[in-house]
Each structure stands twice: as C-alpha cells, then as structure tokens.
Amino acid sequence: MISEPLRPGPAAIGRRPPSISASVLLFAFWWVYVLAVDIVLLAEVGGAGNWLALGGCTVAVGVLLRGLRRGSPTAWRVAQRFAVGVALAFLGGAATMLLFGPRLGSLIAPPVEPVVVVGILGGLLAVLALLVSGLLLRTASARAWCGR
C-alpha cells in the first residue's frame, strides 16, 4: 500500500540537518512528559488495556521518530501535521480556559499545591516544544531530508 522505499533515499544519505535533529529531540521531550503523566495516572487507575495502549503509543512514537531521523516522507507528513495540530489545539484550549475560566469560576482557587503548578508549567513547556518541533519540520532543509 505504501510505496515508500525501506532505505533512505538520496536526500537522506548526506548529513542530517539540524532542524531534523532538533525536531526529533523536541518531539521526544513532549512524549516523555506525556508518558510520565500517563504513568502517574495509570498507577492509580490500572487496567491491562490501558497499559497496553500506552505501550502501543510509545512504540508508534518510536517508529515515527526513527522514520524522521532516516528521512521517511510518511513520517515527515504524519509528524508535522500531528505536532502542529495537537499543539495548537492544546494552546487554544489553555487560552480558552484562561479567558473564560475566571468568569465561570472554574479555575483552581488559591492556595495551589506546588505539584499542580509544576505539572501545568511542564505541560505548557511540553506543548510549546511540540509546536516548535512541528514548525522545524516545515523548514526547507527538513523537507529536502525527507524527500519533499
């Protein structure tokens, strides 16, 4: 079904562009944050299906990042669309929460536990890393590396 070569094409034989390396690192940082949060939450909830789904998603992210490093056009297309789309959705949700939350009384009232503050700031940093990762994949050097 996919007519993509198994080995990197001619564009991927040279030196990997810094935009690809940085994008892979930022995407991996986002996934490590998501994984850490999920592990904490699943430790309380449990369920073999939940752990299996998390393992499957981790494998999928690993395959995607491997494809980016090797210059796969499919990995490039999936990664840049996913990264930018998900990051903008999360940032839009955070902006909506900050805009309408105080009016509806739905924001967390002080005193806020330090764990919550660290979690929120870490999440915001991870989502910004995901956005930058997707934007780096749209550079000319990243497109050339992945045969686009």
Protein backbone atom coordinates (compact mmCIF):
# COMPACT_ATOMS: atom_id res chain seq x y z
CA MET A 1 0.00 0.00 0.00
CA ILE A 2 2.74 2.44 0.87
CA SER A 3 5.15 2.90 -1.99
CA GLU A 4 7.92 4.20 0.21
CA PRO A 5 11.40 2.68 -0.02
CA LEU A 6 12.64 0.86 3.08
CA ARG A 7 16.04 2.54 2.90
CA PRO A 8 16.68 6.29 2.98
CA GLY A 9 16.61 7.98 -0.40
CA PRO A 10 19.38 10.08 -1.97
CA ALA A 11 18.46 13.15 0.09
CA ALA A 12 18.93 11.18 3.30
CA ILE A 13 22.41 9.90 2.50
CA GLY A 14 24.18 13.16 3.43
CA ARG A 15 24.43 14.82 6.83
CA ARG A 16 21.20 15.12 8.80
CA PRO A 17 20.02 18.76 9.03
CA PRO A 18 19.96 20.37 12.49
CA SER A 19 16.23 21.08 12.07
CA ILE A 20 15.51 17.33 11.93
CA SER A 21 17.70 16.58 14.96
CA ALA A 22 16.15 19.41 17.00
CA SER A 23 12.64 18.42 15.94
CA VAL A 24 13.19 14.81 16.97
CA LEU A 25 14.56 15.89 20.36
CA LEU A 26 11.64 18.28 20.99
CA PHE A 27 9.08 15.69 19.92
CA ALA A 28 10.75 13.13 22.21
CA PHE A 29 10.70 15.63 25.10
CA TRP A 30 6.95 16.07 24.60
CA TRP A 31 6.41 12.31 24.56
CA VAL A 32 8.50 11.79 27.72
CA TYR A 33 6.32 14.36 29.51
CA VAL A 34 3.11 12.72 28.26
CA LEU A 35 4.46 9.31 29.22
CA ALA A 36 5.38 10.45 32.73
CA VAL A 37 1.94 11.94 33.32
CA ASP A 38 0.23 8.84 31.93
CA ILE A 39 2.29 6.53 34.12
CA VAL A 40 1.37 8.52 37.22
CA LEU A 41 -2.30 8.45 36.28
CA LEU A 42 -2.30 4.78 35.28
CA ALA A 43 -0.62 3.82 38.54
CA GLU A 44 -3.84 4.85 40.27
CA VAL A 45 -6.30 3.54 37.67
CA GLY A 46 -4.56 0.42 36.40
CA GLY A 47 -6.02 -1.88 33.79
CA ALA A 48 -4.07 -4.07 31.40
CA GLY A 49 -5.75 -2.46 28.38
CA ASN A 50 -4.63 1.00 29.45
CA TRP A 51 -1.04 -0.14 29.87
CA LEU A 52 -1.16 -1.96 26.55
CA ALA A 53 -2.45 1.17 24.79
CA LEU A 54 0.30 3.27 26.36
CA GLY A 55 2.90 0.75 25.24
CA GLY A 56 1.47 0.74 21.72
CA CYS A 57 1.55 4.53 21.54
CA THR A 58 5.14 4.54 22.77
CA VAL A 59 6.12 2.09 20.03
CA ALA A 60 4.31 4.24 17.43
CA VAL A 61 6.14 7.38 18.58
CA GLY A 62 9.44 5.50 18.46
CA VAL A 63 8.76 4.33 14.90
CA LEU A 64 7.78 7.86 13.89
CA LEU A 65 10.93 9.41 15.33
CA ARG A 66 13.08 6.70 13.73
CA GLY A 67 11.44 7.45 10.39
CA LEU A 68 12.17 11.17 10.75
CA ARG A 69 15.82 10.50 11.51
CA ARG A 70 16.06 8.27 8.43
CA GLY A 71 14.27 10.69 6.10
CA SER A 72 10.91 8.98 5.65
CA PRO A 73 8.38 11.14 3.74
CA THR A 74 5.50 9.40 5.52
CA ALA A 75 6.98 10.06 8.96
CA TRP A 76 7.59 13.70 7.98
CA ARG A 77 3.98 14.15 6.86
CA VAL A 78 2.48 12.49 9.94
CA ALA A 79 4.83 14.19 12.43
CA GLN A 80 4.48 17.75 11.17
CA ARG A 81 0.69 17.55 10.84
CA PHE A 82 0.27 15.90 14.23
CA ALA A 83 2.71 18.15 16.10
CA VAL A 84 1.34 21.46 14.87
CA GLY A 85 -2.31 20.40 15.06
CA VAL A 86 -2.15 18.92 18.57
CA ALA A 87 -0.05 21.77 19.94
CA LEU A 88 -2.40 24.42 18.57
CA ALA A 89 -5.40 22.54 19.96
CA PHE A 90 -3.84 22.38 23.42
CA LEU A 91 -2.78 26.03 23.33
CA GLY A 92 -6.26 27.03 22.14
CA GLY A 93 -7.79 25.07 24.99
CA ALA A 94 -5.46 26.70 27.52
CA ALA A 95 -6.27 30.16 26.15
CA THR A 96 -10.00 29.42 26.33
CA MET A 97 -9.62 28.21 29.89
CA LEU A 98 -7.74 31.35 30.89
CA LEU A 99 -10.25 33.57 29.09
CA PHE A 100 -13.48 32.02 30.31
CA GLY A 101 -12.32 30.17 33.42
CA PRO A 102 -12.31 33.13 35.81
CA ARG A 103 -15.76 34.20 34.59
CA LEU A 104 -17.21 30.77 35.24
CA GLY A 105 -15.34 30.21 38.49
CA SER A 106 -13.76 27.05 37.13
CA LEU A 107 -10.07 27.82 37.66
CA ILE A 108 -8.22 26.38 40.61
CA ALA A 109 -8.54 28.70 43.58
CA PRO A 110 -5.53 29.55 45.76
CA PRO A 111 -3.70 28.08 47.55
CA VAL A 112 -2.41 25.89 44.72
CA GLU A 113 -0.18 22.95 45.52
CA PRO A 114 3.32 23.20 44.03
CA VAL A 115 2.85 19.85 42.27
CA VAL A 116 -0.07 21.30 40.29
CA VAL A 117 1.94 24.38 39.29
CA VAL A 118 4.90 22.26 38.18
CA GLY A 119 2.58 19.96 36.22
CA ILE A 120 0.86 22.83 34.44
CA LEU A 121 4.11 24.63 33.61
CA GLY A 122 5.71 21.38 32.47
CA GLY A 123 2.71 20.67 30.26
CA LEU A 124 2.83 24.13 28.73
CA LEU A 125 6.56 23.74 28.06
CA ALA A 126 5.99 20.30 26.51
CA VAL A 127 3.23 21.61 24.22
CA LEU A 128 5.42 24.52 23.12
CA ALA A 129 8.21 22.02 22.38
CA LEU A 130 5.75 20.00 20.28
CA LEU A 131 4.72 23.13 18.34
CA VAL A 132 8.33 24.12 17.65
CA SER A 133 9.07 20.52 16.62
CA GLY A 134 6.30 20.65 14.02
CA LEU A 135 7.38 24.06 12.75
CA LEU A 136 11.00 22.91 12.39
CA LEU A 137 9.80 20.08 10.18
CA ARG A 138 8.39 22.65 7.75
CA THR A 139 11.80 24.15 7.00
CA ALA A 140 13.36 23.67 3.57
CA SER A 141 16.19 21.52 4.90
CA ALA A 142 13.79 19.18 6.71
CA ARG A 143 11.63 18.89 3.60
CA ALA A 144 14.68 18.07 1.48
CA TRP A 145 15.89 15.48 4.01
CA CYS A 146 12.56 13.68 3.83
CA GLY A 147 12.27 13.91 0.06
CA ARG A 148 9.58 16.62 -0.02
